[in-house]
Amino acid sequence: MATITRFEDLEIWQEARRLFNQIKDICNQTALTSDFKLKDQIKASSGSVMDNIAEGFERDGNLEFRQFLSIAKGSAGETRSQLYRVYDSEYISEEQLKVLVEEYENLSKRISAFISYLNKKDFKGNKYK
């Protein structure tokens, strides 16, 4: 397995980015565009998933990376909850809701698996030497 040297190479970051872009499209292409508070909240939480993965990676150590991955996982859950609000406000269809909720659940599982993987590694980080 090749060593990952950039957060952009992490599959979980790529997936979080793909999902953010789906959320952004919903925000721009539906009536959600005029529901400013909900639109801003869901864009922020979905963006937070990818941003926290990136920030944790850049911290140069497993301890902080795991902490930021945990935050990213929480933001994925927050986005799922907001998707129900978006659906309940009739901005997306039930099918869109189901697909996006499932995709965010899968991303959360992948983040959890990555945290478990990092828990098995001894490297704590450069600042902990």
C-alpha atoms as a PDB file:
ATOM      1  CA  MET A   1       0.000   0.000   0.000  1.00  0.00           C
ATOM      2  CA  ALA A   2       1.394   3.388  -0.994  1.00  0.00           C
ATOM      3  CA  THR A   3       1.965   5.987   1.677  1.00  0.00           C
ATOM      4  CA  ILE A   4      -0.518   8.820   1.475  1.00  0.00           C
ATOM      5  CA  THR A   5       1.248  12.170   1.589  1.00  0.00           C
ATOM      6  CA  ARG A   6      -1.655  14.526   0.818  1.00  0.00           C
ATOM      7  CA  PHE A   7      -5.139  14.651   2.305  1.00  0.00           C
ATOM      8  CA  GLU A   8      -6.478  14.974  -1.241  1.00  0.00           C
ATOM      9  CA  ASP A   9      -5.422  11.350  -1.795  1.00  0.00           C
ATOM     10  CA  LEU A  10      -7.591  10.041   1.055  1.00  0.00           C
ATOM     11  CA  GLU A  11     -10.677   8.266  -0.286  1.00  0.00           C
ATOM     12  CA  ILE A  12     -12.768   9.494   2.650  1.00  0.00           C
ATOM     13  CA  TRP A  13     -11.851  13.102   1.821  1.00  0.00           C
ATOM     14  CA  GLN A  14     -12.674  12.551  -1.861  1.00  0.00           C
ATOM     15  CA  GLU A  15     -16.037  11.060  -0.892  1.00  0.00           C
ATOM     16  CA  ALA A  16     -16.771  13.918   1.524  1.00  0.00           C
ATOM     17  CA  ARG A  17     -15.980  16.396  -1.250  1.00  0.00           C
ATOM     18  CA  ARG A  18     -18.244  14.567  -3.722  1.00  0.00           C
ATOM     19  CA  LEU A  19     -21.094  14.633  -1.200  1.00  0.00           C
ATOM     20  CA  PHE A  20     -20.501  18.313  -0.409  1.00  0.00           C
ATOM     21  CA  ASN A  21     -20.869  19.073  -4.113  1.00  0.00           C
ATOM     22  CA  GLN A  22     -24.171  17.182  -4.211  1.00  0.00           C
ATOM     23  CA  ILE A  23     -25.409  19.237  -1.239  1.00  0.00           C
ATOM     24  CA  LYS A  24     -24.187  22.447  -2.903  1.00  0.00           C
ATOM     25  CA  ASP A  25     -26.117  21.536  -6.068  1.00  0.00           C
ATOM     26  CA  ILE A  26     -29.294  21.007  -4.032  1.00  0.00           C
ATOM     27  CA  CYS A  27     -28.717  24.377  -2.362  1.00  0.00           C
ATOM     28  CA  ASN A  28     -28.307  26.093  -5.730  1.00  0.00           C
ATOM     29  CA  GLN A  29     -30.914  24.257  -7.802  1.00  0.00           C
ATOM     30  CA  THR A  30     -33.928  23.952  -5.499  1.00  0.00           C
ATOM     31  CA  ALA A  31     -36.103  26.272  -3.441  1.00  0.00           C
ATOM     32  CA  LEU A  32     -33.596  25.693  -0.609  1.00  0.00           C
ATOM     33  CA  THR A  33     -31.673  28.542  -2.224  1.00  0.00           C
ATOM     34  CA  SER A  34     -34.016  31.023  -0.484  1.00  0.00           C
ATOM     35  CA  ASP A  35     -34.056  29.210   2.901  1.00  0.00           C
ATOM     36  CA  PHE A  36     -30.875  30.985   3.919  1.00  0.00           C
ATOM     37  CA  LYS A  37     -30.416  29.574   7.410  1.00  0.00           C
ATOM     38  CA  LEU A  38     -30.968  25.912   6.516  1.00  0.00           C
ATOM     39  CA  LYS A  39     -28.953  26.294   3.296  1.00  0.00           C
ATOM     40  CA  ASP A  40     -26.032  27.807   5.205  1.00  0.00           C
ATOM     41  CA  GLN A  41     -26.237  25.155   7.941  1.00  0.00           C
ATOM     42  CA  ILE A  42     -26.182  22.166   5.602  1.00  0.00           C
ATOM     43  CA  LYS A  43     -23.433  23.649   3.438  1.00  0.00           C
ATOM     44  CA  ALA A  44     -21.380  24.297   6.582  1.00  0.00           C
ATOM     45  CA  SER A  45     -21.859  20.829   8.077  1.00  0.00           C
ATOM     46  CA  SER A  46     -21.214  18.984   4.804  1.00  0.00           C
ATOM     47  CA  GLY A  47     -18.142  21.141   4.186  1.00  0.00           C
ATOM     48  CA  SER A  48     -16.987  20.486   7.741  1.00  0.00           C
ATOM     49  CA  VAL A  49     -16.703  16.767   6.995  1.00  0.00           C
ATOM     50  CA  MET A  50     -14.061  17.276   4.317  1.00  0.00           C
ATOM     51  CA  ASP A  51     -12.406  20.196   6.114  1.00  0.00           C
ATOM     52  CA  ASN A  52     -11.898  18.272   9.352  1.00  0.00           C
ATOM     53  CA  ILE A  53     -10.438  15.295   7.507  1.00  0.00           C
ATOM     54  CA  ALA A  54      -7.994  17.689   5.822  1.00  0.00           C
ATOM     55  CA  GLU A  55      -7.129  19.592   9.009  1.00  0.00           C
ATOM     56  CA  GLY A  56      -6.578  16.419  10.987  1.00  0.00           C
ATOM     57  CA  PHE A  57      -4.309  14.999   8.297  1.00  0.00           C
ATOM     58  CA  GLU A  58      -2.227  18.181   8.285  1.00  0.00           C
ATOM     59  CA  ARG A  59      -1.697  17.986  12.069  1.00  0.00           C
ATOM     60  CA  ASP A  60       1.095  15.409  11.533  1.00  0.00           C
ATOM     61  CA  GLY A  61       0.014  12.871  14.081  1.00  0.00           C
ATOM     62  CA  ASN A  62      -2.463  10.122  14.771  1.00  0.00           C
ATOM     63  CA  LEU A  63      -3.739  11.557  18.051  1.00  0.00           C
ATOM     64  CA  GLU A  64      -4.983  14.803  16.559  1.00  0.00           C
ATOM     65  CA  PHE A  65      -5.946  13.148  13.275  1.00  0.00           C
ATOM     66  CA  ARG A  66      -8.267  10.771  15.134  1.00  0.00           C
ATOM     67  CA  GLN A  67      -9.790  13.697  17.019  1.00  0.00           C
ATOM     68  CA  PHE A  68     -10.499  15.573  13.783  1.00  0.00           C
ATOM     69  CA  LEU A  69     -11.838  12.415  12.128  1.00  0.00           C
ATOM     70  CA  SER A  70     -14.244  12.092  15.044  1.00  0.00           C
ATOM     71  CA  ILE A  71     -15.388  15.679  14.444  1.00  0.00           C
ATOM     72  CA  ALA A  72     -15.774  14.907  10.721  1.00  0.00           C
ATOM     73  CA  LYS A  73     -17.920  11.882  11.593  1.00  0.00           C
ATOM     74  CA  GLY A  74     -20.063  14.085  13.830  1.00  0.00           C
ATOM     75  CA  SER A  75     -20.486  16.581  11.000  1.00  0.00           C
ATOM     76  CA  ALA A  76     -21.598  13.741   8.714  1.00  0.00           C
ATOM     77  CA  GLY A  77     -24.300  12.900  11.273  1.00  0.00           C
ATOM     78  CA  GLU A  78     -25.284  16.552  11.516  1.00  0.00           C
ATOM     79  CA  THR A  79     -25.598  16.690   7.721  1.00  0.00           C
ATOM     80  CA  ARG A  80     -27.806  13.586   7.756  1.00  0.00           C
ATOM     81  CA  SER A  81     -30.103  15.226  10.295  1.00  0.00           C
ATOM     82  CA  GLN A  82     -30.265  18.385   8.205  1.00  0.00           C
ATOM     83  CA  LEU A  83     -31.106  16.302   5.137  1.00  0.00           C
ATOM     84  CA  TYR A  84     -34.262  15.189   6.948  1.00  0.00           C
ATOM     85  CA  ARG A  85     -35.085  18.866   7.551  1.00  0.00           C
ATOM     86  CA  VAL A  86     -34.476  19.588   3.872  1.00  0.00           C
ATOM     87  CA  TYR A  87     -36.792  16.704   2.950  1.00  0.00           C
ATOM     88  CA  ASP A  88     -39.435  17.697   5.527  1.00  0.00           C
ATOM     89  CA  SER A  89     -39.367  21.213   4.036  1.00  0.00           C
ATOM     90  CA  GLU A  90     -40.057  19.591   0.643  1.00  0.00           C
ATOM     91  CA  TYR A  91     -36.830  20.733  -1.039  1.00  0.00           C
ATOM     92  CA  ILE A  92     -35.805  17.183  -2.060  1.00  0.00           C
ATOM     93  CA  SER A  93     -37.655  13.975  -2.889  1.00  0.00           C
ATOM     94  CA  GLU A  94     -37.846  10.939  -0.649  1.00  0.00           C
ATOM     95  CA  GLU A  95     -35.566   9.097  -3.090  1.00  0.00           C
ATOM     96  CA  GLN A  96     -32.929  11.862  -2.891  1.00  0.00           C
ATOM     97  CA  LEU A  97     -33.166  11.724   0.893  1.00  0.00           C
ATOM     98  CA  LYS A  98     -32.688   7.944   0.986  1.00  0.00           C
ATOM     99  CA  VAL A  99     -29.689   8.015  -1.347  1.00  0.00           C
ATOM    100  CA  LEU A 100     -27.919  10.859   0.459  1.00  0.00           C
ATOM    101  CA  VAL A 101     -28.604   9.469   3.937  1.00  0.00           C
ATOM    102  CA  GLU A 102     -27.220   6.096   2.850  1.00  0.00           C
ATOM    103  CA  GLU A 103     -24.138   7.724   1.320  1.00  0.00           C
ATOM    104  CA  TYR A 104     -23.472   9.723   4.502  1.00  0.00           C
ATOM    105  CA  GLU A 105     -23.998   6.605   6.638  1.00  0.00           C
ATOM    106  CA  ASN A 106     -21.449   4.759   4.491  1.00  0.00           C
ATOM    107  CA  LEU A 107     -18.997   7.655   4.784  1.00  0.00           C
ATOM    108  CA  SER A 108     -19.428   7.630   8.582  1.00  0.00           C
ATOM    109  CA  LYS A 109     -18.645   3.900   8.618  1.00  0.00           C
ATOM    110  CA  ARG A 110     -15.546   4.450   6.511  1.00  0.00           C
ATOM    111  CA  ILE A 111     -14.369   7.250   8.819  1.00  0.00           C
ATOM    112  CA  SER A 112     -14.932   4.949  11.825  1.00  0.00           C
ATOM    113  CA  ALA A 113     -12.943   2.197  10.131  1.00  0.00           C
ATOM    114  CA  PHE A 114     -10.112   4.628   9.456  1.00  0.00           C
ATOM    115  CA  ILE A 115     -10.127   5.735  13.105  1.00  0.00           C
ATOM    116  CA  SER A 116      -9.903   2.069  14.123  1.00  0.00           C
ATOM    117  CA  TYR A 117      -6.983   1.590  11.745  1.00  0.00           C
ATOM    118  CA  LEU A 118      -5.171   4.599  13.236  1.00  0.00           C
ATOM    119  CA  ASN A 119      -5.853   3.293  16.762  1.00  0.00           C
ATOM    120  CA  LYS A 120      -3.689   0.279  15.906  1.00  0.00           C
ATOM    121  CA  LYS A 121      -0.715   2.405  14.826  1.00  0.00           C
ATOM    122  CA  ASP A 122       2.007   3.418  17.289  1.00  0.00           C
ATOM    123  CA  PHE A 123       2.936   6.764  15.692  1.00  0.00           C
ATOM    124  CA  LYS A 124       1.461   9.514  17.836  1.00  0.00           C
ATOM    125  CA  GLY A 125       2.839  12.468  15.884  1.00  0.00           C
ATOM    126  CA  ASN A 126       5.918  14.604  15.433  1.00  0.00           C
ATOM    127  CA  LYS A 127       4.969  16.959  18.242  1.00  0.00           C
ATOM    128  CA  TYR A 128       4.811  14.051  20.711  1.00  0.00           C
ATOM    129  CA  LYS A 129       8.421  12.907  20.211  1.00  0.00           C
END
